[in-house]
Amino acid sequence: MSILDGILKNIGGAPDDVVNLAAKLGIDPKMAEMAIAALGKTHTMDGDTVTLAAEKTGMSPDILSQIVTAIGGEGSLSNFASILDQDKDGNPLNDIMGMAKGLFGGSKS
């Protein structure tokens, strides 16, 4: 179970895991993880969260908006941002990549 799955299970009304969220939206689970991470990061930035995440990921703002809704709205994004940014550098993406490397037997450097 990924850290994102654990967070999703604790948000009432959200899909149980990233795979279910991705299936619901008709996207690849890796794309869903990337979107959640980008939304968590851009939520803390000045500007529209979805627009900024779309610019960073190249994903459709419509899909990103659906993800925001599915995970419980803008308020839930703060949970993702704080939990995923383990080194507190303001960038949860590098932490997610480190977690992924750890899952696949690589080093977390």
PDB file of N, CA and C in Angstrom:
ATOM      1  N   MET A   1       0.847  -1.182   0.000  1.00  0.00           N
ATOM      2  CA  MET A   1       0.000   0.000   0.000  1.00  0.00           C
ATOM      3  C   MET A   1       0.892   1.245   0.000  1.00  0.00           C
ATOM      4  N   SER A   2       0.582   2.172  -0.891  1.00  0.00           N
ATOM      5  CA  SER A   2       1.374   3.393  -0.961  1.00  0.00           C
ATOM      6  C   SER A   2       0.928   4.379   0.115  1.00  0.00           C
ATOM      7  N   ILE A   3       1.752   5.366   0.375  1.00  0.00           N
ATOM      8  CA  ILE A   3       1.396   6.402   1.349  1.00  0.00           C
ATOM      9  C   ILE A   3       0.149   7.146   0.898  1.00  0.00           C
ATOM     10  N   LEU A   4      -0.019   7.322  -0.412  1.00  0.00           N
ATOM     11  CA  LEU A   4      -1.225   7.984  -0.912  1.00  0.00           C
ATOM     12  C   LEU A   4      -2.459   7.154  -0.611  1.00  0.00           C
ATOM     13  N   ASP A   5      -2.341   5.820  -0.714  1.00  0.00           N
ATOM     14  CA  ASP A   5      -3.469   4.949  -0.394  1.00  0.00           C
ATOM     15  C   ASP A   5      -3.874   5.128   1.064  1.00  0.00           C
ATOM     16  N   GLY A   6      -2.884   5.208   1.946  1.00  0.00           N
ATOM     17  CA  GLY A   6      -3.170   5.404   3.364  1.00  0.00           C
ATOM     18  C   GLY A   6      -3.895   6.705   3.637  1.00  0.00           C
ATOM     19  N   ILE A   7      -3.503   7.751   2.933  1.00  0.00           N
ATOM     20  CA  ILE A   7      -4.168   9.044   3.103  1.00  0.00           C
ATOM     21  C   ILE A   7      -5.589   8.972   2.570  1.00  0.00           C
ATOM     22  N   LEU A   8      -5.765   8.386   1.395  1.00  0.00           N
ATOM     23  CA  LEU A   8      -7.102   8.284   0.810  1.00  0.00           C
ATOM     24  C   LEU A   8      -8.054   7.511   1.708  1.00  0.00           C
ATOM     25  N   LYS A   9      -7.586   6.458   2.364  1.00  0.00           N
ATOM     26  CA  LYS A   9      -8.446   5.658   3.237  1.00  0.00           C
ATOM     27  C   LYS A   9      -8.955   6.472   4.420  1.00  0.00           C
ATOM     28  N   ASN A  10      -8.225   7.530   4.782  1.00  0.00           N
ATOM     29  CA  ASN A  10      -8.618   8.346   5.923  1.00  0.00           C
ATOM     30  C   ASN A  10      -9.469   9.548   5.557  1.00  0.00           C
ATOM     31  N   ILE A  11      -9.782   9.706   4.278  1.00  0.00           N
ATOM     32  CA  ILE A  11     -10.614  10.821   3.836  1.00  0.00           C
ATOM     33  C   ILE A  11     -11.988  10.273   3.499  1.00  0.00           C
ATOM     34  N   GLY A  12     -12.969  10.647   4.263  1.00  0.00           N
ATOM     35  CA  GLY A  12     -14.329  10.159   4.043  1.00  0.00           C
ATOM     36  C   GLY A  12     -14.826  10.478   2.648  1.00  0.00           C
ATOM     37  N   GLY A  13     -15.375   9.469   1.973  1.00  0.00           N
ATOM     38  CA  GLY A  13     -15.935   9.657   0.644  1.00  0.00           C
ATOM     39  C   GLY A  13     -14.935   9.537  -0.484  1.00  0.00           C
ATOM     40  N   ALA A  14     -13.652   9.526  -0.182  1.00  0.00           N
ATOM     41  CA  ALA A  14     -12.631   9.393  -1.226  1.00  0.00           C
ATOM     42  C   ALA A  14     -12.500   7.922  -1.612  1.00  0.00           C
ATOM     43  N   PRO A  15     -12.023   7.659  -2.830  1.00  0.00           N
ATOM     44  CA  PRO A  15     -11.765   6.249  -3.196  1.00  0.00           C
ATOM     45  C   PRO A  15     -10.747   5.648  -2.234  1.00  0.00           C
ATOM     46  N   ASP A  16     -10.807   4.320  -2.051  1.00  0.00           N
ATOM     47  CA  ASP A  16      -9.942   3.658  -1.075  1.00  0.00           C
ATOM     48  C   ASP A  16      -8.472   3.722  -1.407  1.00  0.00           C
ATOM     49  N   ASP A  17      -8.133   3.792  -2.687  1.00  0.00           N
ATOM     50  CA  ASP A  17      -6.726   3.836  -3.048  1.00  0.00           C
ATOM     51  C   ASP A  17      -6.546   4.497  -4.411  1.00  0.00           C
ATOM     52  N   VAL A  18      -5.304   4.707  -4.755  1.00  0.00           N
ATOM     53  CA  VAL A  18      -4.970   5.397  -5.994  1.00  0.00           C
ATOM     54  C   VAL A  18      -5.458   4.606  -7.208  1.00  0.00           C
ATOM     55  N   VAL A  19      -5.355   3.279  -7.160  1.00  0.00           N
ATOM     56  CA  VAL A  19      -5.790   2.457  -8.282  1.00  0.00           C
ATOM     57  C   VAL A  19      -7.286   2.652  -8.531  1.00  0.00           C
ATOM     58  N   ASN A  20      -8.080   2.646  -7.461  1.00  0.00           N
ATOM     59  CA  ASN A  20      -9.523   2.855  -7.616  1.00  0.00           C
ATOM     60  C   ASN A  20      -9.830   4.257  -8.124  1.00  0.00           C
ATOM     61  N   LEU A  21      -9.115   5.246  -7.624  1.00  0.00           N
ATOM     62  CA  LEU A  21      -9.299   6.620  -8.098  1.00  0.00           C
ATOM     63  C   LEU A  21      -8.987   6.707  -9.582  1.00  0.00           C
ATOM     64  N   ALA A  22      -7.874   6.121  -9.980  1.00  0.00           N
ATOM     65  CA  ALA A  22      -7.472   6.150 -11.385  1.00  0.00           C
ATOM     66  C   ALA A  22      -8.504   5.446 -12.265  1.00  0.00           C
ATOM     67  N   ALA A  23      -8.988   4.297 -11.805  1.00  0.00           N
ATOM     68  CA  ALA A  23      -9.988   3.558 -12.580  1.00  0.00           C
ATOM     69  C   ALA A  23     -11.270   4.364 -12.721  1.00  0.00           C
ATOM     70  N   LYS A  24     -11.646   5.021 -11.658  1.00  0.00           N
ATOM     71  CA  LYS A  24     -12.862   5.841 -11.679  1.00  0.00           C
ATOM     72  C   LYS A  24     -12.756   6.961 -12.711  1.00  0.00           C
ATOM     73  N   LEU A  25     -11.548   7.502 -12.864  1.00  0.00           N
ATOM     74  CA  LEU A  25     -11.332   8.619 -13.784  1.00  0.00           C
ATOM     75  C   LEU A  25     -10.854   8.169 -15.165  1.00  0.00           C
ATOM     76  N   GLY A  26     -10.538   6.893 -15.301  1.00  0.00           N
ATOM     77  CA  GLY A  26     -10.068   6.387 -16.584  1.00  0.00           C
ATOM     78  C   GLY A  26      -8.645   6.793 -16.926  1.00  0.00           C
ATOM     79  N   ILE A  27      -7.788   6.902 -15.886  1.00  0.00           N
ATOM     80  CA  ILE A  27      -6.385   7.269 -16.103  1.00  0.00           C
ATOM     81  C   ILE A  27      -5.486   6.216 -15.468  1.00  0.00           C
ATOM     82  N   ASP A  28      -4.216   6.243 -15.810  1.00  0.00           N
ATOM     83  CA  ASP A  28      -3.214   5.347 -15.264  1.00  0.00           C
ATOM     84  C   ASP A  28      -2.965   5.693 -13.789  1.00  0.00           C
ATOM     85  N   PRO A  29      -2.794   4.699 -12.909  1.00  0.00           N
ATOM     86  CA  PRO A  29      -2.513   4.986 -11.497  1.00  0.00           C
ATOM     87  C   PRO A  29      -1.283   5.862 -11.278  1.00  0.00           C
ATOM     88  N   LYS A  30      -0.235   5.682 -12.084  1.00  0.00           N
ATOM     89  CA  LYS A  30       0.953   6.532 -11.939  1.00  0.00           C
ATOM     90  C   LYS A  30       0.609   7.986 -12.246  1.00  0.00           C
ATOM     91  N   MET A  31      -0.271   8.191 -13.215  1.00  0.00           N
ATOM     92  CA  MET A  31      -0.718   9.534 -13.555  1.00  0.00           C
ATOM     93  C   MET A  31      -1.519  10.127 -12.392  1.00  0.00           C
ATOM     94  N   ALA A  32      -2.332   9.309 -11.740  1.00  0.00           N
ATOM     95  CA  ALA A  32      -3.108   9.773 -10.588  1.00  0.00           C
ATOM     96  C   ALA A  32      -2.182  10.173  -9.443  1.00  0.00           C
ATOM     97  N   GLU A  33      -1.150   9.365  -9.200  1.00  0.00           N
ATOM     98  CA  GLU A  33      -0.184   9.710  -8.146  1.00  0.00           C
ATOM     99  C   GLU A  33       0.529  11.015  -8.462  1.00  0.00           C
ATOM    100  N   MET A  34       0.947  11.175  -9.713  1.00  0.00           N
ATOM    101  CA  MET A  34       1.617  12.402 -10.130  1.00  0.00           C
ATOM    102  C   MET A  34       0.681  13.600  -9.945  1.00  0.00           C
ATOM    103  N   ALA A  35      -0.582  13.423 -10.299  1.00  0.00           N
ATOM    104  CA  ALA A  35      -1.555  14.504 -10.181  1.00  0.00           C
ATOM    105  C   ALA A  35      -1.776  14.892  -8.729  1.00  0.00           C
ATOM    106  N   ILE A  36      -1.921  13.899  -7.848  1.00  0.00           N
ATOM    107  CA  ILE A  36      -2.142  14.191  -6.428  1.00  0.00           C
ATOM    108  C   ILE A  36      -0.944  14.922  -5.846  1.00  0.00           C
ATOM    109  N   ALA A  37       0.249  14.477  -6.197  1.00  0.00           N
ATOM    110  CA  ALA A  37       1.458  15.146  -5.707  1.00  0.00           C
ATOM    111  C   ALA A  37       1.528  16.585  -6.208  1.00  0.00           C
ATOM    112  N   ALA A  38       1.244  16.788  -7.485  1.00  0.00           N
ATOM    113  CA  ALA A  38       1.283  18.141  -8.053  1.00  0.00           C
ATOM    114  C   ALA A  38       0.218  19.021  -7.429  1.00  0.00           C
ATOM    115  N   LEU A  39      -0.961  18.479  -7.216  1.00  0.00           N
ATOM    116  CA  LEU A  39      -2.031  19.258  -6.580  1.00  0.00           C
ATOM    117  C   LEU A  39      -1.664  19.614  -5.142  1.00  0.00           C
ATOM    118  N   GLY A  40      -1.056  18.662  -4.431  1.00  0.00           N
ATOM    119  CA  GLY A  40      -0.623  18.951  -3.056  1.00  0.00           C
ATOM    120  C   GLY A  40       0.403  20.061  -3.017  1.00  0.00           C
ATOM    121  N   LYS A  41       1.330  20.030  -3.960  1.00  0.00           N
ATOM    122  CA  LYS A  41       2.368  21.066  -4.004  1.00  0.00           C
ATOM    123  C   LYS A  41       1.783  22.415  -4.415  1.00  0.00           C
ATOM    124  N   THR A  42       0.982  22.441  -5.472  1.00  0.00           N
ATOM    125  CA  THR A  42       0.482  23.722  -5.970  1.00  0.00           C
ATOM    126  C   THR A  42      -0.572  24.330  -5.052  1.00  0.00           C
ATOM    127  N   HIS A  43      -1.158  23.508  -4.188  1.00  0.00           N
ATOM    128  CA  HIS A  43      -2.134  24.012  -3.228  1.00  0.00           C
ATOM    129  C   HIS A  43      -1.514  25.057  -2.305  1.00  0.00           C
ATOM    130  N   THR A  44      -0.221  24.925  -2.048  1.00  0.00           N
ATOM    131  CA  THR A  44       0.456  25.849  -1.134  1.00  0.00           C
ATOM    132  C   THR A  44       1.008  27.081  -1.851  1.00  0.00           C
ATOM    133  N   MET A  45       0.854  27.133  -3.166  1.00  0.00           N
ATOM    134  CA  MET A  45       1.394  28.244  -3.956  1.00  0.00           C
ATOM    135  C   MET A  45       0.318  29.295  -4.226  1.00  0.00           C
ATOM    136  N   ASP A  46       0.763  30.493  -4.577  1.00  0.00           N
ATOM    137  CA  ASP A  46      -0.166  31.542  -4.986  1.00  0.00           C
ATOM    138  C   ASP A  46      -0.718  31.207  -6.365  1.00  0.00           C
ATOM    139  N   GLY A  47      -2.013  31.342  -6.522  1.00  0.00           N
ATOM    140  CA  GLY A  47      -2.658  31.060  -7.801  1.00  0.00           C
ATOM    141  C   GLY A  47      -3.655  29.928  -7.670  1.00  0.00           C
ATOM    142  N   ASP A  48      -4.287  29.588  -8.774  1.00  0.00           N
ATOM    143  CA  ASP A  48      -5.276  28.521  -8.790  1.00  0.00           C
ATOM    144  C   ASP A  48      -4.574  27.165  -8.772  1.00  0.00           C
ATOM    145  N   THR A  49      -4.932  26.355  -7.814  1.00  0.00           N
ATOM    146  CA  THR A  49      -4.298  25.058  -7.617  1.00  0.00           C
ATOM    147  C   THR A  49      -4.354  24.189  -8.871  1.00  0.00           C
ATOM    148  N   VAL A  50      -5.534  24.059  -9.454  1.00  0.00           N
ATOM    149  CA  VAL A  50      -5.711  23.188 -10.615  1.00  0.00           C
ATOM    150  C   VAL A  50      -4.941  23.714 -11.818  1.00  0.00           C
ATOM    151  N   THR A  51      -5.013  25.017 -12.056  1.00  0.00           N
ATOM    152  CA  THR A  51      -4.300  25.611 -13.189  1.00  0.00           C
ATOM    153  C   THR A  51      -2.797  25.406 -13.049  1.00  0.00           C
ATOM    154  N   LEU A  52      -2.274  25.647 -11.868  1.00  0.00           N
ATOM    155  CA  LEU A  52      -0.836  25.463 -11.646  1.00  0.00           C
ATOM    156  C   LEU A  52      -0.425  23.998 -11.811  1.00  0.00           C
ATOM    157  N   ALA A  53      -1.239  23.085 -11.283  1.00  0.00           N
ATOM    158  CA  ALA A  53      -0.925  21.654 -11.423  1.00  0.00           C
ATOM    159  C   ALA A  53      -0.993  21.221 -12.886  1.00  0.00           C
ATOM    160  N   ALA A  54      -1.943  21.771 -13.626  1.00  0.00           N
ATOM    161  CA  ALA A  54      -2.052  21.444 -15.059  1.00  0.00           C
ATOM    162  C   ALA A  54      -0.808  21.912 -15.803  1.00  0.00           C
ATOM    163  N   GLU A  55      -0.316  23.089 -15.448  1.00  0.00           N
ATOM    164  CA  GLU A  55       0.891  23.611 -16.091  1.00  0.00           C
ATOM    165  C   GLU A  55       2.103  22.736 -15.768  1.00  0.00           C
ATOM    166  N   LYS A  56       2.184  22.241 -14.532  1.00  0.00           N
ATOM    167  CA  LYS A  56       3.329  21.434 -14.120  1.00  0.00           C
ATOM    168  C   LYS A  56       3.300  20.022 -14.688  1.00  0.00           C
ATOM    169  N   THR A  57       2.100  19.465 -14.847  1.00  0.00           N
ATOM    170  CA  THR A  57       1.991  18.064 -15.252  1.00  0.00           C
ATOM    171  C   THR A  57       1.603  17.872 -16.715  1.00  0.00           C
ATOM    172  N   GLY A  58       1.015  18.888 -17.319  1.00  0.00           N
ATOM    173  CA  GLY A  58       0.489  18.742 -18.668  1.00  0.00           C
ATOM    174  C   GLY A  58      -0.840  18.011 -18.703  1.00  0.00           C
ATOM    175  N   MET A  59      -1.397  17.733 -17.532  1.00  0.00           N
ATOM    176  CA  MET A  59      -2.677  17.036 -17.459  1.00  0.00           C
ATOM    177  C   MET A  59      -3.828  18.013 -17.656  1.00  0.00           C
ATOM    178  N   SER A  60      -4.949  17.483 -18.059  1.00  0.00           N
ATOM    179  CA  SER A  60      -6.152  18.265 -18.278  1.00  0.00           C
ATOM    180  C   SER A  60      -6.653  18.861 -16.959  1.00  0.00           C
ATOM    181  N   PRO A  61      -6.973  20.164 -16.958  1.00  0.00           N
ATOM    182  CA  PRO A  61      -7.563  20.760 -15.755  1.00  0.00           C
ATOM    183  C   PRO A  61      -8.858  20.064 -15.341  1.00  0.00           C
ATOM    184  N   ASP A  62      -9.605  19.531 -16.311  1.00  0.00           N
ATOM    185  CA  ASP A  62     -10.838  18.821 -15.993  1.00  0.00           C
ATOM    186  C   ASP A  62     -10.553  17.574 -15.154  1.00  0.00           C
ATOM    187  N   ILE A  63      -9.553  16.790 -15.565  1.00  0.00           N
ATOM    188  CA  ILE A  63      -9.175  15.588 -14.801  1.00  0.00           C
ATOM    189  C   ILE A  63      -8.675  15.992 -13.420  1.00  0.00           C
ATOM    190  N   LEU A  64      -7.844  17.020 -13.356  1.00  0.00           N
ATOM    191  CA  LEU A  64      -7.315  17.464 -12.068  1.00  0.00           C
ATOM    192  C   LEU A  64      -8.438  17.941 -11.153  1.00  0.00           C
ATOM    193  N   SER A  65      -9.411  18.637 -11.691  1.00  0.00           N
ATOM    194  CA  SER A  65     -10.564  19.082 -10.894  1.00  0.00           C
ATOM    195  C   SER A  65     -11.347  17.884 -10.367  1.00  0.00           C
ATOM    196  N   GLN A  66     -11.492  16.859 -11.203  1.00  0.00           N
ATOM    197  CA  GLN A  66     -12.188  15.647 -10.762  1.00  0.00           C
ATOM    198  C   GLN A  66     -11.430  14.961  -9.634  1.00  0.00           C
ATOM    199  N   ILE A  67     -10.106  14.990  -9.696  1.00  0.00           N
ATOM    200  CA  ILE A  67      -9.296  14.399  -8.630  1.00  0.00           C
ATOM    201  C   ILE A  67      -9.483  15.176  -7.342  1.00  0.00           C
ATOM    202  N   VAL A  68      -9.455  16.500  -7.437  1.00  0.00           N
ATOM    203  CA  VAL A  68      -9.661  17.333  -6.249  1.00  0.00           C
ATOM    204  C   VAL A  68     -11.004  16.996  -5.601  1.00  0.00           C
ATOM    205  N   THR A  69     -12.034  16.900  -6.410  1.00  0.00           N
ATOM    206  CA  THR A  69     -13.362  16.574  -5.894  1.00  0.00           C
ATOM    207  C   THR A  69     -13.374  15.180  -5.271  1.00  0.00           C
ATOM    208  N   ALA A  70     -12.761  14.213  -5.949  1.00  0.00           N
ATOM    209  CA  ALA A  70     -12.773  12.822  -5.482  1.00  0.00           C
ATOM    210  C   ALA A  70     -12.046  12.634  -4.158  1.00  0.00           C
ATOM    211  N   ILE A  71     -11.015  13.436  -3.908  1.00  0.00           N
ATOM    212  CA  ILE A  71     -10.252  13.261  -2.669  1.00  0.00           C
ATOM    213  C   ILE A  71     -10.743  14.154  -1.534  1.00  0.00           C
ATOM    214  N   GLY A  72     -11.840  14.854  -1.764  1.00  0.00           N
ATOM    215  CA  GLY A  72     -12.428  15.614  -0.663  1.00  0.00           C
ATOM    216  C   GLY A  72     -12.299  17.112  -0.766  1.00  0.00           C
ATOM    217  N   GLY A  73     -11.905  17.616  -1.906  1.00  0.00           N
ATOM    218  CA  GLY A  73     -11.839  19.063  -2.105  1.00  0.00           C
ATOM    219  C   GLY A  73     -10.491  19.666  -1.749  1.00  0.00           C
ATOM    220  N   GLU A  74     -10.432  20.984  -1.899  1.00  0.00           N
ATOM    221  CA  GLU A  74      -9.178  21.721  -1.666  1.00  0.00           C
ATOM    222  C   GLU A  74      -8.617  21.503  -0.264  1.00  0.00           C
ATOM    223  N   GLY A  75      -9.485  21.390   0.730  1.00  0.00           N
ATOM    224  CA  GLY A  75      -9.014  21.217   2.101  1.00  0.00           C
ATOM    225  C   GLY A  75      -8.189  19.955   2.287  1.00  0.00           C
ATOM    226  N   SER A  76      -8.525  18.909   1.562  1.00  0.00           N
ATOM    227  CA  SER A  76      -7.789  17.647   1.667  1.00  0.00           C
ATOM    228  C   SER A  76      -6.386  17.755   1.099  1.00  0.00           C
ATOM    229  N   LEU A  77      -6.171  18.696   0.190  1.00  0.00           N
ATOM    230  CA  LEU A  77      -4.851  18.825  -0.422  1.00  0.00           C
ATOM    231  C   LEU A  77      -3.786  19.229   0.590  1.00  0.00           C
ATOM    232  N   SER A  78      -4.157  19.954   1.623  1.00  0.00           N
ATOM    233  CA  SER A  78      -3.195  20.314   2.669  1.00  0.00           C
ATOM    234  C   SER A  78      -2.641  19.063   3.330  1.00  0.00           C
ATOM    235  N   ASN A  79      -3.503  18.059   3.536  1.00  0.00           N
ATOM    236  CA  ASN A  79      -3.049  16.795   4.126  1.00  0.00           C
ATOM    237  C   ASN A  79      -2.005  16.135   3.245  1.00  0.00           C
ATOM    238  N   PHE A  80      -2.260  16.102   1.949  1.00  0.00           N
ATOM    239  CA  PHE A  80      -1.318  15.489   1.024  1.00  0.00           C
ATOM    240  C   PHE A  80       0.002  16.253   1.016  1.00  0.00           C
ATOM    241  N   ALA A  81      -0.071  17.562   0.962  1.00  0.00           N
ATOM    242  CA  ALA A  81       1.143  18.374   0.889  1.00  0.00           C
ATOM    243  C   ALA A  81       2.009  18.168   2.123  1.00  0.00           C
ATOM    244  N   SER A  82       1.404  18.182   3.299  1.00  0.00           N
ATOM    245  CA  SER A  82       2.202  18.073   4.515  1.00  0.00           C
ATOM    246  C   SER A  82       2.741  16.668   4.737  1.00  0.00           C
ATOM    247  N   ILE A  83       1.963  15.656   4.416  1.00  0.00           N
ATOM    248  CA  ILE A  83       2.410  14.280   4.631  1.00  0.00           C
ATOM    249  C   ILE A  83       3.446  13.864   3.602  1.00  0.00           C
ATOM    250  N   LEU A  84       3.261  14.283   2.368  1.00  0.00           N
ATOM    251  CA  LEU A  84       4.170  13.858   1.306  1.00  0.00           C
ATOM    252  C   LEU A  84       5.503  14.578   1.327  1.00  0.00           C
ATOM    253  N   ASP A  85       5.547  15.791   1.846  1.00  0.00           N
ATOM    254  CA  ASP A  85       6.794  16.552   1.881  1.00  0.00           C
ATOM    255  C   ASP A  85       7.569  16.202   3.143  1.00  0.00           C
ATOM    256  N   GLN A  86       8.144  15.004   3.152  1.00  0.00           N
ATOM    257  CA  GLN A  86       8.802  14.498   4.348  1.00  0.00           C
ATOM    258  C   GLN A  86      10.038  15.288   4.751  1.00  0.00           C
ATOM    259  N   ASP A  87      10.764  15.849   3.783  1.00  0.00           N
ATOM    260  CA  ASP A  87      11.967  16.601   4.139  1.00  0.00           C
ATOM    261  C   ASP A  87      11.676  18.096   4.319  1.00  0.00           C
ATOM    262  N   LYS A  88      10.402  18.474   4.194  1.00  0.00           N
ATOM    263  CA  LYS A  88       9.931  19.850   4.444  1.00  0.00           C
ATOM    264  C   LYS A  88      10.645  20.894   3.586  1.00  0.00           C
ATOM    265  N   ASP A  89      10.977  20.505   2.341  1.00  0.00           N
ATOM    266  CA  ASP A  89      11.630  21.467   1.458  1.00  0.00           C
ATOM    267  C   ASP A  89      10.635  22.186   0.551  1.00  0.00           C
ATOM    268  N   GLY A  90       9.335  21.907   0.758  1.00  0.00           N
ATOM    269  CA  GLY A  90       8.312  22.540  -0.062  1.00  0.00           C
ATOM    270  C   GLY A  90       8.033  21.816  -1.362  1.00  0.00           C
ATOM    271  N   ASN A  91       8.714  20.684  -1.585  1.00  0.00           N
ATOM    272  CA  ASN A  91       8.546  19.927  -2.822  1.00  0.00           C
ATOM    273  C   ASN A  91       8.262  18.464  -2.495  1.00  0.00           C
ATOM    274  N   PRO A  92       6.982  18.048  -2.501  1.00  0.00           N
ATOM    275  CA  PRO A  92       6.687  16.658  -2.188  1.00  0.00           C
ATOM    276  C   PRO A  92       7.069  15.686  -3.305  1.00  0.00           C
ATOM    277  N   LEU A  93       7.299  16.191  -4.516  1.00  0.00           N
ATOM    278  CA  LEU A  93       7.595  15.291  -5.632  1.00  0.00           C
ATOM    279  C   LEU A  93       8.894  14.524  -5.422  1.00  0.00           C
ATOM    280  N   ASN A  94       9.931  15.187  -4.897  1.00  0.00           N
ATOM    281  CA  ASN A  94      11.190  14.470  -4.686  1.00  0.00           C
ATOM    282  C   ASN A  94      11.036  13.399  -3.605  1.00  0.00           C
ATOM    283  N   ASP A  95      10.175  13.640  -2.637  1.00  0.00           N
ATOM    284  CA  ASP A  95       9.942  12.648  -1.590  1.00  0.00           C
ATOM    285  C   ASP A  95       9.181  11.443  -2.139  1.00  0.00           C
ATOM    286  N   ILE A  96       8.213  11.688  -3.012  1.00  0.00           N
ATOM    287  CA  ILE A  96       7.461  10.592  -3.633  1.00  0.00           C
ATOM    288  C   ILE A  96       8.391   9.743  -4.487  1.00  0.00           C
ATOM    289  N   MET A  97       9.275  10.394  -5.237  1.00  0.00           N
ATOM    290  CA  MET A  97      10.217   9.637  -6.065  1.00  0.00           C
ATOM    291  C   MET A  97      11.125   8.788  -5.176  1.00  0.00           C
ATOM    292  N   GLY A  98      11.543   9.331  -4.047  1.00  0.00           N
ATOM    293  CA  GLY A  98      12.363   8.562  -3.118  1.00  0.00           C
ATOM    294  C   GLY A  98      11.620   7.363  -2.567  1.00  0.00           C
ATOM    295  N   MET A  99      10.323   7.564  -2.255  1.00  0.00           N
ATOM    296  CA  MET A  99       9.507   6.454  -1.766  1.00  0.00           C
ATOM    297  C   MET A  99       9.374   5.388  -2.847  1.00  0.00           C
ATOM    298  N   ALA A 100       9.162   5.811  -4.067  1.00  0.00           N
ATOM    299  CA  ALA A 100       9.005   4.867  -5.178  1.00  0.00           C
ATOM    300  C   ALA A 100      10.286   4.068  -5.379  1.00  0.00           C
ATOM    301  N   LYS A 101      11.435   4.732  -5.308  1.00  0.00           N
ATOM    302  CA  LYS A 101      12.707   4.009  -5.445  1.00  0.00           C
ATOM    303  C   LYS A 101      12.842   2.969  -4.358  1.00  0.00           C
ATOM    304  N   GLY A 102      12.434   3.336  -3.121  1.00  0.00           N
ATOM    305  CA  GLY A 102      12.499   2.415  -2.015  1.00  0.00           C
ATOM    306  C   GLY A 102      11.617   1.195  -2.220  1.00  0.00           C
ATOM    307  N   LEU A 103      10.445   1.414  -2.814  1.00  0.00           N
ATOM    308  CA  LEU A 103       9.529   0.311  -3.072  1.00  0.00           C
ATOM    309  C   LEU A 103      10.081  -0.677  -4.098  1.00  0.00           C
ATOM    310  N   PHE A 104      10.871  -0.158  -5.032  1.00  0.00           N
ATOM    311  CA  PHE A 104      11.390  -0.997  -6.096  1.00  0.00           C
ATOM    312  C   PHE A 104      12.834  -1.423  -5.868  1.00  0.00           C
ATOM    313  N   GLY A 105      13.317  -1.267  -4.640  1.00  0.00           N
ATOM    314  CA  GLY A 105      14.628  -1.785  -4.294  1.00  0.00           C
ATOM    315  C   GLY A 105      15.782  -0.834  -4.541  1.00  0.00           C
ATOM    316  N   GLY A 106      15.515   0.375  -4.961  1.00  0.00           N
ATOM    317  CA  GLY A 106      16.581   1.353  -5.174  1.00  0.00           C
ATOM    318  C   GLY A 106      16.886   2.094  -3.884  1.00  0.00           C
ATOM    319  N   SER A 107      17.904   2.930  -3.931  1.00  0.00           N
ATOM    320  CA  SER A 107      18.227   3.730  -2.764  1.00  0.00           C
ATOM    321  C   SER A 107      17.350   4.957  -2.753  1.00  0.00           C
ATOM    322  N   LYS A 108      17.158   5.550  -1.581  1.00  0.00           N
ATOM    323  CA  LYS A 108      16.281   6.715  -1.441  1.00  0.00           C
ATOM    324  C   LYS A 108      17.066   8.028  -1.516  1.00  0.00           C
ATOM    325  N   SER A 109      18.200   8.062  -2.144  1.00  0.00           N
ATOM    326  CA  SER A 109      19.033   9.255  -2.192  1.00  0.00           C
ATOM    327  C   SER A 109      18.442  10.360  -2.997  1.00  0.00           C
TER     328      SER A 109
END
